[in-house]
Amino acid sequence: MAQLRLAAEAEAELDDIWLYTARESGSENIATRVIENIRRQFSILSRYPYSGRRRDDLRSGLRSFVAGNYVIIYRIQEPDTVLILHVLHGSRDIAGLLG
């Protein structure tokens, strides 16, 4: 199993997702479930790091993996480390944000 690391940007994005979801839904429980679902996908990536789609169209070496309405942008670092760079809503202009 690969080690999992989160970039500071990804941590901040998770906080923003939680706050936005809690505010919009009116429920901290719903916000927590959204974050838990995303983190479960992190666990899958630590076991199967190559399961995400190659995203060299965004930047060389990047991969993406869907987590509900969100897209996890990550890079596989040697040896056996998955670095989560971003967690973004799928409706956002991901290429524009990373370009």
PDB file of N, CA and C in Angstrom:
ATOM      1  N   MET A   1       0.847  -1.184   0.000  1.00  0.00           N
ATOM      2  CA  MET A   1       0.000   0.000   0.000  1.00  0.00           C
ATOM      3  C   MET A   1       0.887   1.240   0.000  1.00  0.00           C
ATOM      4  N   ALA A   2       0.545   2.185  -0.859  1.00  0.00           N
ATOM      5  CA  ALA A   2       1.304   3.429  -0.965  1.00  0.00           C
ATOM      6  C   ALA A   2       0.988   4.346   0.207  1.00  0.00           C
ATOM      7  N   GLN A   3       1.972   5.157   0.566  1.00  0.00           N
ATOM      8  CA  GLN A   3       1.739   6.196   1.567  1.00  0.00           C
ATOM      9  C   GLN A   3       0.910   7.293   0.920  1.00  0.00           C
ATOM     10  N   LEU A   4       0.133   7.977   1.718  1.00  0.00           N
ATOM     11  CA  LEU A   4      -0.729   9.038   1.231  1.00  0.00           C
ATOM     12  C   LEU A   4      -0.327  10.347   1.879  1.00  0.00           C
ATOM     13  N   ARG A   5      -0.104  11.373   1.057  1.00  0.00           N
ATOM     14  CA  ARG A   5       0.196  12.710   1.566  1.00  0.00           C
ATOM     15  C   ARG A   5      -0.754  13.697   0.926  1.00  0.00           C
ATOM     16  N   LEU A   6      -1.163  14.695   1.680  1.00  0.00           N
ATOM     17  CA  LEU A   6      -2.026  15.754   1.159  1.00  0.00           C
ATOM     18  C   LEU A   6      -1.254  17.061   1.132  1.00  0.00           C
ATOM     19  N   ALA A   7      -1.274  17.705  -0.015  1.00  0.00           N
ATOM     20  CA  ALA A   7      -0.676  19.035  -0.129  1.00  0.00           C
ATOM     21  C   ALA A   7      -1.519  20.009   0.687  1.00  0.00           C
ATOM     22  N   ALA A   8      -0.913  21.102   1.093  1.00  0.00           N
ATOM     23  CA  ALA A   8      -1.627  22.109   1.881  1.00  0.00           C
ATOM     24  C   ALA A   8      -2.867  22.613   1.137  1.00  0.00           C
ATOM     25  N   GLU A   9      -2.771  22.742  -0.182  1.00  0.00           N
ATOM     26  CA  GLU A   9      -3.910  23.195  -0.981  1.00  0.00           C
ATOM     27  C   GLU A   9      -5.076  22.223  -0.871  1.00  0.00           C
ATOM     28  N   ALA A  10      -4.781  20.935  -0.918  1.00  0.00           N
ATOM     29  CA  ALA A  10      -5.833  19.910  -0.820  1.00  0.00           C
ATOM     30  C   ALA A  10      -6.497  19.955   0.550  1.00  0.00           C
ATOM     31  N   GLU A  11      -5.712  20.123   1.598  1.00  0.00           N
ATOM     32  CA  GLU A  11      -6.276  20.232   2.947  1.00  0.00           C
ATOM     33  C   GLU A  11      -7.213  21.436   3.034  1.00  0.00           C
ATOM     34  N   ALA A  12      -6.772  22.574   2.484  1.00  0.00           N
ATOM     35  CA  ALA A  12      -7.593  23.790   2.512  1.00  0.00           C
ATOM     36  C   ALA A  12      -8.862  23.591   1.690  1.00  0.00           C
ATOM     37  N   GLU A  13      -8.753  22.902   0.561  1.00  0.00           N
ATOM     38  CA  GLU A  13      -9.927  22.653  -0.273  1.00  0.00           C
ATOM     39  C   GLU A  13     -10.934  21.761   0.445  1.00  0.00           C
ATOM     40  N   LEU A  14     -10.457  20.768   1.190  1.00  0.00           N
ATOM     41  CA  LEU A  14     -11.364  19.924   1.973  1.00  0.00           C
ATOM     42  C   LEU A  14     -12.099  20.754   3.024  1.00  0.00           C
ATOM     43  N   ASP A  15     -11.386  21.660   3.672  1.00  0.00           N
ATOM     44  CA  ASP A  15     -12.028  22.553   4.652  1.00  0.00           C
ATOM     45  C   ASP A  15     -13.094  23.409   3.971  1.00  0.00           C
ATOM     46  N   ASP A  16     -12.758  23.946   2.799  1.00  0.00           N
ATOM     47  CA  ASP A  16     -13.715  24.779   2.059  1.00  0.00           C
ATOM     48  C   ASP A  16     -14.948  23.977   1.631  1.00  0.00           C
ATOM     49  N   ILE A  17     -14.726  22.741   1.189  1.00  0.00           N
ATOM     50  CA  ILE A  17     -15.837  21.874   0.788  1.00  0.00           C
ATOM     51  C   ILE A  17     -16.755  21.622   1.980  1.00  0.00           C
ATOM     52  N   TRP A  18     -16.160  21.338   3.135  1.00  0.00           N
ATOM     53  CA  TRP A  18     -16.965  21.079   4.336  1.00  0.00           C
ATOM     54  C   TRP A  18     -17.794  22.312   4.693  1.00  0.00           C
ATOM     55  N   LEU A  19     -17.139  23.474   4.722  1.00  0.00           N
ATOM     56  CA  LEU A  19     -17.845  24.705   5.090  1.00  0.00           C
ATOM     57  C   LEU A  19     -18.969  25.025   4.102  1.00  0.00           C
ATOM     58  N   TYR A  20     -18.686  24.926   2.820  1.00  0.00           N
ATOM     59  CA  TYR A  20     -19.692  25.221   1.803  1.00  0.00           C
ATOM     60  C   TYR A  20     -20.880  24.263   1.924  1.00  0.00           C
ATOM     61  N   THR A  21     -20.577  22.965   2.059  1.00  0.00           N
ATOM     62  CA  THR A  21     -21.641  21.965   2.143  1.00  0.00           C
ATOM     63  C   THR A  21     -22.477  22.155   3.401  1.00  0.00           C
ATOM     64  N   ALA A  22     -21.829  22.427   4.528  1.00  0.00           N
ATOM     65  CA  ALA A  22     -22.561  22.654   5.779  1.00  0.00           C
ATOM     66  C   ALA A  22     -23.464  23.874   5.656  1.00  0.00           C
ATOM     67  N   ARG A  23     -22.946  24.925   5.047  1.00  0.00           N
ATOM     68  CA  ARG A  23     -23.724  26.164   4.890  1.00  0.00           C
ATOM     69  C   ARG A  23     -24.901  25.947   3.945  1.00  0.00           C
ATOM     70  N   GLU A  24     -24.655  25.332   2.789  1.00  0.00           N
ATOM     71  CA  GLU A  24     -25.698  25.161   1.777  1.00  0.00           C
ATOM     72  C   GLU A  24     -26.763  24.144   2.195  1.00  0.00           C
ATOM     73  N   SER A  25     -26.337  23.073   2.864  1.00  0.00           N
ATOM     74  CA  SER A  25     -27.284  22.025   3.258  1.00  0.00           C
ATOM     75  C   SER A  25     -27.920  22.312   4.609  1.00  0.00           C
ATOM     76  N   GLY A  26     -27.273  23.158   5.408  1.00  0.00           N
ATOM     77  CA  GLY A  26     -27.752  23.418   6.756  1.00  0.00           C
ATOM     78  C   GLY A  26     -27.463  22.272   7.711  1.00  0.00           C
ATOM     79  N   SER A  27     -26.544  21.374   7.289  1.00  0.00           N
ATOM     80  CA  SER A  27     -26.267  20.191   8.108  1.00  0.00           C
ATOM     81  C   SER A  27     -24.775  19.892   8.173  1.00  0.00           C
ATOM     82  N   GLU A  28     -24.239  19.915   9.375  1.00  0.00           N
ATOM     83  CA  GLU A  28     -22.843  19.517   9.568  1.00  0.00           C
ATOM     84  C   GLU A  28     -22.663  18.031   9.271  1.00  0.00           C
ATOM     85  N   ASN A  29     -23.699  17.221   9.553  1.00  0.00           N
ATOM     86  CA  ASN A  29     -23.610  15.784   9.292  1.00  0.00           C
ATOM     87  C   ASN A  29     -23.445  15.496   7.809  1.00  0.00           C
ATOM     88  N   ILE A  30     -24.197  16.205   6.974  1.00  0.00           N
ATOM     89  CA  ILE A  30     -24.067  16.008   5.525  1.00  0.00           C
ATOM     90  C   ILE A  30     -22.676  16.421   5.073  1.00  0.00           C
ATOM     91  N   ALA A  31     -22.189  17.546   5.562  1.00  0.00           N
ATOM     92  CA  ALA A  31     -20.851  18.016   5.196  1.00  0.00           C
ATOM     93  C   ALA A  31     -19.790  16.995   5.597  1.00  0.00           C
ATOM     94  N   THR A  32     -19.930  16.431   6.770  1.00  0.00           N
ATOM     95  CA  THR A  32     -18.973  15.431   7.244  1.00  0.00           C
ATOM     96  C   THR A  32     -19.025  14.182   6.374  1.00  0.00           C
ATOM     97  N   ARG A  33     -20.226  13.763   5.968  1.00  0.00           N
ATOM     98  CA  ARG A  33     -20.341  12.582   5.101  1.00  0.00           C
ATOM     99  C   ARG A  33     -19.694  12.812   3.739  1.00  0.00           C
ATOM    100  N   VAL A  34     -19.820  14.015   3.205  1.00  0.00           N
ATOM    101  CA  VAL A  34     -19.174  14.335   1.922  1.00  0.00           C
ATOM    102  C   VAL A  34     -17.656  14.195   2.054  1.00  0.00           C
ATOM    103  N   ILE A  35     -17.099  14.744   3.113  1.00  0.00           N
ATOM    104  CA  ILE A  35     -15.647  14.660   3.331  1.00  0.00           C
ATOM    105  C   ILE A  35     -15.220  13.213   3.580  1.00  0.00           C
ATOM    106  N   GLU A  36     -16.002  12.471   4.338  1.00  0.00           N
ATOM    107  CA  GLU A  36     -15.671  11.059   4.587  1.00  0.00           C
ATOM    108  C   GLU A  36     -15.655  10.270   3.281  1.00  0.00           C
ATOM    109  N   ASN A  37     -16.603  10.559   2.374  1.00  0.00           N
ATOM    110  CA  ASN A  37     -16.629   9.873   1.083  1.00  0.00           C
ATOM    111  C   ASN A  37     -15.368  10.188   0.277  1.00  0.00           C
ATOM    112  N   ILE A  38     -14.967  11.444   0.268  1.00  0.00           N
ATOM    113  CA  ILE A  38     -13.739  11.818  -0.446  1.00  0.00           C
ATOM    114  C   ILE A  38     -12.543  11.101   0.161  1.00  0.00           C
ATOM    115  N   ARG A  39     -12.469  11.073   1.484  1.00  0.00           N
ATOM    116  CA  ARG A  39     -11.337  10.408   2.148  1.00  0.00           C
ATOM    117  C   ARG A  39     -11.325   8.897   1.894  1.00  0.00           C
ATOM    118  N   ARG A  40     -12.501   8.281   1.726  1.00  0.00           N
ATOM    119  CA  ARG A  40     -12.537   6.855   1.360  1.00  0.00           C
ATOM    120  C   ARG A  40     -11.885   6.640  -0.010  1.00  0.00           C
ATOM    121  N   GLN A  41     -12.084   7.597  -0.898  1.00  0.00           N
ATOM    122  CA  GLN A  41     -11.458   7.495  -2.211  1.00  0.00           C
ATOM    123  C   GLN A  41      -9.940   7.634  -2.090  1.00  0.00           C
ATOM    124  N   PHE A  42      -9.474   8.446  -1.150  1.00  0.00           N
ATOM    125  CA  PHE A  42      -8.033   8.534  -0.887  1.00  0.00           C
ATOM    126  C   PHE A  42      -7.494   7.158  -0.524  1.00  0.00           C
ATOM    127  N   SER A  43      -8.244   6.431   0.299  1.00  0.00           N
ATOM    128  CA  SER A  43      -7.833   5.095   0.727  1.00  0.00           C
ATOM    129  C   SER A  43      -7.715   4.148  -0.470  1.00  0.00           C
ATOM    130  N   ILE A  44      -8.664   4.243  -1.385  1.00  0.00           N
ATOM    131  CA  ILE A  44      -8.593   3.416  -2.599  1.00  0.00           C
ATOM    132  C   ILE A  44      -7.335   3.767  -3.384  1.00  0.00           C
ATOM    133  N   LEU A  45      -7.043   5.052  -3.505  1.00  0.00           N
ATOM    134  CA  LEU A  45      -5.852   5.469  -4.247  1.00  0.00           C
ATOM    135  C   LEU A  45      -4.563   4.991  -3.578  1.00  0.00           C
ATOM    136  N   SER A  46      -4.560   4.904  -2.262  1.00  0.00           N
ATOM    137  CA  SER A  46      -3.353   4.413  -1.597  1.00  0.00           C
ATOM    138  C   SER A  46      -3.124   2.931  -1.896  1.00  0.00           C
ATOM    139  N   ARG A  47      -4.216   2.182  -2.123  1.00  0.00           N
ATOM    140  CA  ARG A  47      -4.089   0.763  -2.474  1.00  0.00           C
ATOM    141  C   ARG A  47      -3.880   0.543  -3.971  1.00  0.00           C
ATOM    142  N   TYR A  48      -4.508   1.391  -4.784  1.00  0.00           N
ATOM    143  CA  TYR A  48      -4.442   1.242  -6.245  1.00  0.00           C
ATOM    144  C   TYR A  48      -4.100   2.588  -6.883  1.00  0.00           C
ATOM    145  N   PRO A  49      -2.857   3.035  -6.721  1.00  0.00           N
ATOM    146  CA  PRO A  49      -2.509   4.382  -7.157  1.00  0.00           C
ATOM    147  C   PRO A  49      -2.674   4.634  -8.655  1.00  0.00           C
ATOM    148  N   TYR A  50      -2.607   3.591  -9.455  1.00  0.00           N
ATOM    149  CA  TYR A  50      -2.711   3.773 -10.903  1.00  0.00           C
ATOM    150  C   TYR A  50      -4.147   3.657 -11.404  1.00  0.00           C
ATOM    151  N   SER A  51      -5.111   3.608 -10.496  1.00  0.00           N
ATOM    152  CA  SER A  51      -6.509   3.468 -10.911  1.00  0.00           C
ATOM    153  C   SER A  51      -7.090   4.765 -11.470  1.00  0.00           C
ATOM    154  N   GLY A  52      -6.489   5.883 -11.172  1.00  0.00           N
ATOM    155  CA  GLY A  52      -6.970   7.164 -11.687  1.00  0.00           C
ATOM    156  C   GLY A  52      -6.555   7.370 -13.136  1.00  0.00           C
ATOM    157  N   ARG A  53      -7.266   8.262 -13.776  1.00  0.00           N
ATOM    158  CA  ARG A  53      -7.025   8.588 -15.183  1.00  0.00           C
ATOM    159  C   ARG A  53      -5.794   9.469 -15.319  1.00  0.00           C
ATOM    160  N   ARG A  54      -4.940   9.143 -16.289  1.00  0.00           N
ATOM    161  CA  ARG A  54      -3.783  10.004 -16.578  1.00  0.00           C
ATOM    162  C   ARG A  54      -4.277  11.356 -17.057  1.00  0.00           C
ATOM    163  N   ARG A  55      -3.666  12.425 -16.565  1.00  0.00           N
ATOM    164  CA  ARG A  55      -4.079  13.783 -16.932  1.00  0.00           C
ATOM    165  C   ARG A  55      -2.889  14.611 -17.398  1.00  0.00           C
ATOM    166  N   ASP A  56      -2.110  14.036 -18.308  1.00  0.00           N
ATOM    167  CA  ASP A  56      -0.992  14.779 -18.876  1.00  0.00           C
ATOM    168  C   ASP A  56      -1.480  16.007 -19.637  1.00  0.00           C
ATOM    169  N   ASP A  57      -2.790  16.025 -19.983  1.00  0.00           N
ATOM    170  CA  ASP A  57      -3.368  17.203 -20.635  1.00  0.00           C
ATOM    171  C   ASP A  57      -3.375  18.413 -19.690  1.00  0.00           C
ATOM    172  N   LEU A  58      -3.378  18.152 -18.397  1.00  0.00           N
ATOM    173  CA  LEU A  58      -3.345  19.234 -17.405  1.00  0.00           C
ATOM    174  C   LEU A  58      -1.911  19.618 -17.076  1.00  0.00           C
ATOM    175  N   ARG A  59      -1.128  18.613 -16.764  1.00  0.00           N
ATOM    176  CA  ARG A  59       0.283  18.775 -16.422  1.00  0.00           C
ATOM    177  C   ARG A  59       0.900  17.389 -16.411  1.00  0.00           C
ATOM    178  N   SER A  60       2.100  17.268 -16.887  1.00  0.00           N
ATOM    179  CA  SER A  60       2.769  15.971 -16.975  1.00  0.00           C
ATOM    180  C   SER A  60       2.811  15.282 -15.608  1.00  0.00           C
ATOM    181  N   GLY A  61       2.410  14.011 -15.589  1.00  0.00           N
ATOM    182  CA  GLY A  61       2.479  13.213 -14.374  1.00  0.00           C
ATOM    183  C   GLY A  61       1.250  13.280 -13.482  1.00  0.00           C
ATOM    184  N   LEU A  62       0.269  14.116 -13.832  1.00  0.00           N
ATOM    185  CA  LEU A  62      -0.927  14.205 -12.997  1.00  0.00           C
ATOM    186  C   LEU A  62      -1.914  13.104 -13.336  1.00  0.00           C
ATOM    187  N   ARG A  63      -2.722  12.754 -12.350  1.00  0.00           N
ATOM    188  CA  ARG A  63      -3.807  11.798 -12.515  1.00  0.00           C
ATOM    189  C   ARG A  63      -5.038  12.368 -11.836  1.00  0.00           C
ATOM    190  N   SER A  64      -6.217  11.873 -12.222  1.00  0.00           N
ATOM    191  CA  SER A  64      -7.455  12.303 -11.567  1.00  0.00           C
ATOM    192  C   SER A  64      -8.297  11.087 -11.220  1.00  0.00           C
ATOM    193  N   PHE A  65      -9.105  11.251 -10.177  1.00  0.00           N
ATOM    194  CA  PHE A  65      -9.957  10.176  -9.680  1.00  0.00           C
ATOM    195  C   PHE A  65     -11.233  10.825  -9.167  1.00  0.00           C
ATOM    196  N   VAL A  66     -12.363  10.298  -9.586  1.00  0.00           N
ATOM    197  CA  VAL A  66     -13.648  10.885  -9.217  1.00  0.00           C
ATOM    198  C   VAL A  66     -14.072  10.416  -7.826  1.00  0.00           C
ATOM    199  N   ALA A  67     -14.587  11.373  -7.050  1.00  0.00           N
ATOM    200  CA  ALA A  67     -15.128  11.093  -5.709  1.00  0.00           C
ATOM    201  C   ALA A  67     -16.464  11.811  -5.617  1.00  0.00           C
ATOM    202  N   GLY A  68     -17.534  11.150  -6.051  1.00  0.00           N
ATOM    203  CA  GLY A  68     -18.851  11.793  -6.057  1.00  0.00           C
ATOM    204  C   GLY A  68     -18.847  12.951  -7.039  1.00  0.00           C
ATOM    205  N   ASN A  69     -19.191  14.145  -6.550  1.00  0.00           N
ATOM    206  CA  ASN A  69     -19.201  15.343  -7.396  1.00  0.00           C
ATOM    207  C   ASN A  69     -17.832  16.010  -7.489  1.00  0.00           C
ATOM    208  N   TYR A  70     -16.836  15.412  -6.881  1.00  0.00           N
ATOM    209  CA  TYR A  70     -15.515  16.014  -6.803  1.00  0.00           C
ATOM    210  C   TYR A  70     -14.495  15.215  -7.601  1.00  0.00           C
ATOM    211  N   VAL A  71     -13.406  15.908  -7.953  1.00  0.00           N
ATOM    212  CA  VAL A  71     -12.310  15.281  -8.678  1.00  0.00           C
ATOM    213  C   VAL A  71     -11.054  15.456  -7.839  1.00  0.00           C
ATOM    214  N   ILE A  72     -10.392  14.339  -7.592  1.00  0.00           N
ATOM    215  CA  ILE A  72      -9.131  14.345  -6.850  1.00  0.00           C
ATOM    216  C   ILE A  72      -8.009  14.417  -7.888  1.00  0.00           C
ATOM    217  N   ILE A  73      -7.163  15.406  -7.765  1.00  0.00           N
ATOM    218  CA  ILE A  73      -6.000  15.549  -8.638  1.00  0.00           C
ATOM    219  C   ILE A  73      -4.782  15.129  -7.817  1.00  0.00           C
ATOM    220  N   TYR A  74      -4.023  14.166  -8.362  1.00  0.00           N
ATOM    221  CA  TYR A  74      -2.903  13.648  -7.588  1.00  0.00           C
ATOM    222  C   TYR A  74      -1.735  13.281  -8.485  1.00  0.00           C
ATOM    223  N   ARG A  75      -0.624  12.977  -7.844  1.00  0.00           N
ATOM    224  CA  ARG A  75       0.598  12.562  -8.524  1.00  0.00           C
ATOM    225  C   ARG A  75       1.160  11.364  -7.753  1.00  0.00           C
ATOM    226  N   ILE A  76       1.682  10.416  -8.483  1.00  0.00           N
ATOM    227  CA  ILE A  76       2.354   9.278  -7.844  1.00  0.00           C
ATOM    228  C   ILE A  76       3.830   9.635  -7.759  1.00  0.00           C
ATOM    229  N   GLN A  77       4.344   9.597  -6.528  1.00  0.00           N
ATOM    230  CA  GLN A  77       5.753   9.887  -6.305  1.00  0.00           C
ATOM    231  C   GLN A  77       6.447   8.598  -5.896  1.00  0.00           C
ATOM    232  N   GLU A  78       7.639   8.449  -6.360  1.00  0.00           N
ATOM    233  CA  GLU A  78       8.408   7.268  -5.992  1.00  0.00           C
ATOM    234  C   GLU A  78       9.138   7.549  -4.695  1.00  0.00           C
ATOM    235  N   PRO A  79       9.322   6.607  -3.842  1.00  0.00           N
ATOM    236  CA  PRO A  79       8.760   5.268  -3.935  1.00  0.00           C
ATOM    237  C   PRO A  79       7.428   5.182  -3.190  1.00  0.00           C
ATOM    238  N   ASP A  80       6.440   4.683  -3.843  1.00  0.00           N
ATOM    239  CA  ASP A  80       5.151   4.334  -3.230  1.00  0.00           C
ATOM    240  C   ASP A  80       4.483   5.447  -2.421  1.00  0.00           C
ATOM    241  N   THR A  81       4.393   6.617  -2.983  1.00  0.00           N
ATOM    242  CA  THR A  81       3.696   7.712  -2.313  1.00  0.00           C
ATOM    243  C   THR A  81       2.687   8.325  -3.273  1.00  0.00           C
ATOM    244  N   VAL A  82       1.472   8.535  -2.784  1.00  0.00           N
ATOM    245  CA  VAL A  82       0.448   9.244  -3.542  1.00  0.00           C
ATOM    246  C   VAL A  82       0.315  10.622  -2.911  1.00  0.00           C
ATOM    247  N   LEU A  83       0.553  11.652  -3.709  1.00  0.00           N
ATOM    248  CA  LEU A  83       0.445  13.025  -3.236  1.00  0.00           C
ATOM    249  C   LEU A  83      -0.844  13.621  -3.797  1.00  0.00           C
ATOM    250  N   ILE A  84      -1.793  13.892  -2.905  1.00  0.00           N
ATOM    251  CA  ILE A  84      -3.052  14.522  -3.294  1.00  0.00           C
ATOM    252  C   ILE A  84      -2.786  16.022  -3.405  1.00  0.00           C
ATOM    253  N   LEU A  85      -2.946  16.554  -4.598  1.00  0.00           N
ATOM    254  CA  LEU A  85      -2.649  17.964  -4.842  1.00  0.00           C
ATOM    255  C   LEU A  85      -3.873  18.857  -4.677  1.00  0.00           C
ATOM    256  N   HIS A  86      -5.025  18.383  -5.205  1.00  0.00           N
ATOM    257  CA  HIS A  86      -6.245  19.183  -5.172  1.00  0.00           C
ATOM    258  C   HIS A  86      -7.468  18.291  -5.064  1.00  0.00           C
ATOM    259  N   VAL A  87      -8.517  18.852  -4.492  1.00  0.00           N
ATOM    260  CA  VAL A  87      -9.843  18.235  -4.493  1.00  0.00           C
ATOM    261  C   VAL A  87     -10.790  19.341  -4.955  1.00  0.00           C
ATOM    262  N   LEU A  88     -11.321  19.177  -6.183  1.00  0.00           N
ATOM    263  CA  LEU A  88     -12.095  20.240  -6.818  1.00  0.00           C
ATOM    264  C   LEU A  88     -13.459  19.720  -7.238  1.00  0.00           C
ATOM    265  N   HIS A  89     -14.453  20.597  -7.232  1.00  0.00           N
ATOM    266  CA  HIS A  89     -15.777  20.204  -7.712  1.00  0.00           C
ATOM    267  C   HIS A  89     -15.680  19.927  -9.204  1.00  0.00           C
ATOM    268  N   GLY A  90     -16.331  18.869  -9.646  1.00  0.00           N
ATOM    269  CA  GLY A  90     -16.253  18.443 -11.038  1.00  0.00           C
ATOM    270  C   GLY A  90     -16.772  19.454 -12.039  1.00  0.00           C
ATOM    271  N   SER A  91     -17.597  20.402 -11.602  1.00  0.00           N
ATOM    272  CA  SER A  91     -18.138  21.398 -12.518  1.00  0.00           C
ATOM    273  C   SER A  91     -17.175  22.564 -12.762  1.00  0.00           C
ATOM    274  N   ARG A  92     -16.109  22.604 -12.009  1.00  0.00           N
ATOM    275  CA  ARG A  92     -15.146  23.710 -12.158  1.00  0.00           C
ATOM    276  C   ARG A  92     -14.270  23.501 -13.384  1.00  0.00           C
ATOM    277  N   ASP A  93     -13.676  24.571 -13.862  1.00  0.00           N
ATOM    278  CA  ASP A  93     -12.752  24.531 -14.998  1.00  0.00           C
ATOM    279  C   ASP A  93     -11.395  24.101 -14.457  1.00  0.00           C
ATOM    280  N   ILE A  94     -11.208  22.791 -14.371  1.00  0.00           N
ATOM    281  CA  ILE A  94     -10.007  22.248 -13.750  1.00  0.00           C
ATOM    282  C   ILE A  94      -8.755  22.639 -14.549  1.00  0.00           C
ATOM    283  N   ALA A  95      -8.835  22.560 -15.865  1.00  0.00           N
ATOM    284  CA  ALA A  95      -7.685  22.941 -16.688  1.00  0.00           C
ATOM    285  C   ALA A  95      -7.333  24.406 -16.453  1.00  0.00           C
ATOM    286  N   GLY A  96      -8.324  25.262 -16.356  1.00  0.00           N
ATOM    287  CA  GLY A  96      -8.079  26.677 -16.096  1.00  0.00           C
ATOM    288  C   GLY A  96      -7.473  26.936 -14.726  1.00  0.00           C
ATOM    289  N   LEU A  97      -7.905  26.155 -13.748  1.00  0.00           N
ATOM    290  CA  LEU A  97      -7.396  26.343 -12.382  1.00  0.00           C
ATOM    291  C   LEU A  97      -5.950  25.854 -12.247  1.00  0.00           C
ATOM    292  N   LEU A  98      -5.601  24.816 -12.987  1.00  0.00           N
ATOM    293  CA  LEU A  98      -4.256  24.249 -12.868  1.00  0.00           C
ATOM    294  C   LEU A  98      -3.286  24.794 -13.903  1.00  0.00           C
ATOM    295  N   GLY A  99      -3.821  25.511 -14.889  1.00  0.00           N
ATOM    296  CA  GLY A  99      -2.995  25.994 -16.007  1.00  0.00           C
ATOM    297  C   GLY A  99      -2.115  27.135 -15.679  1.00  0.00           C
TER     298      GLY A  99
END
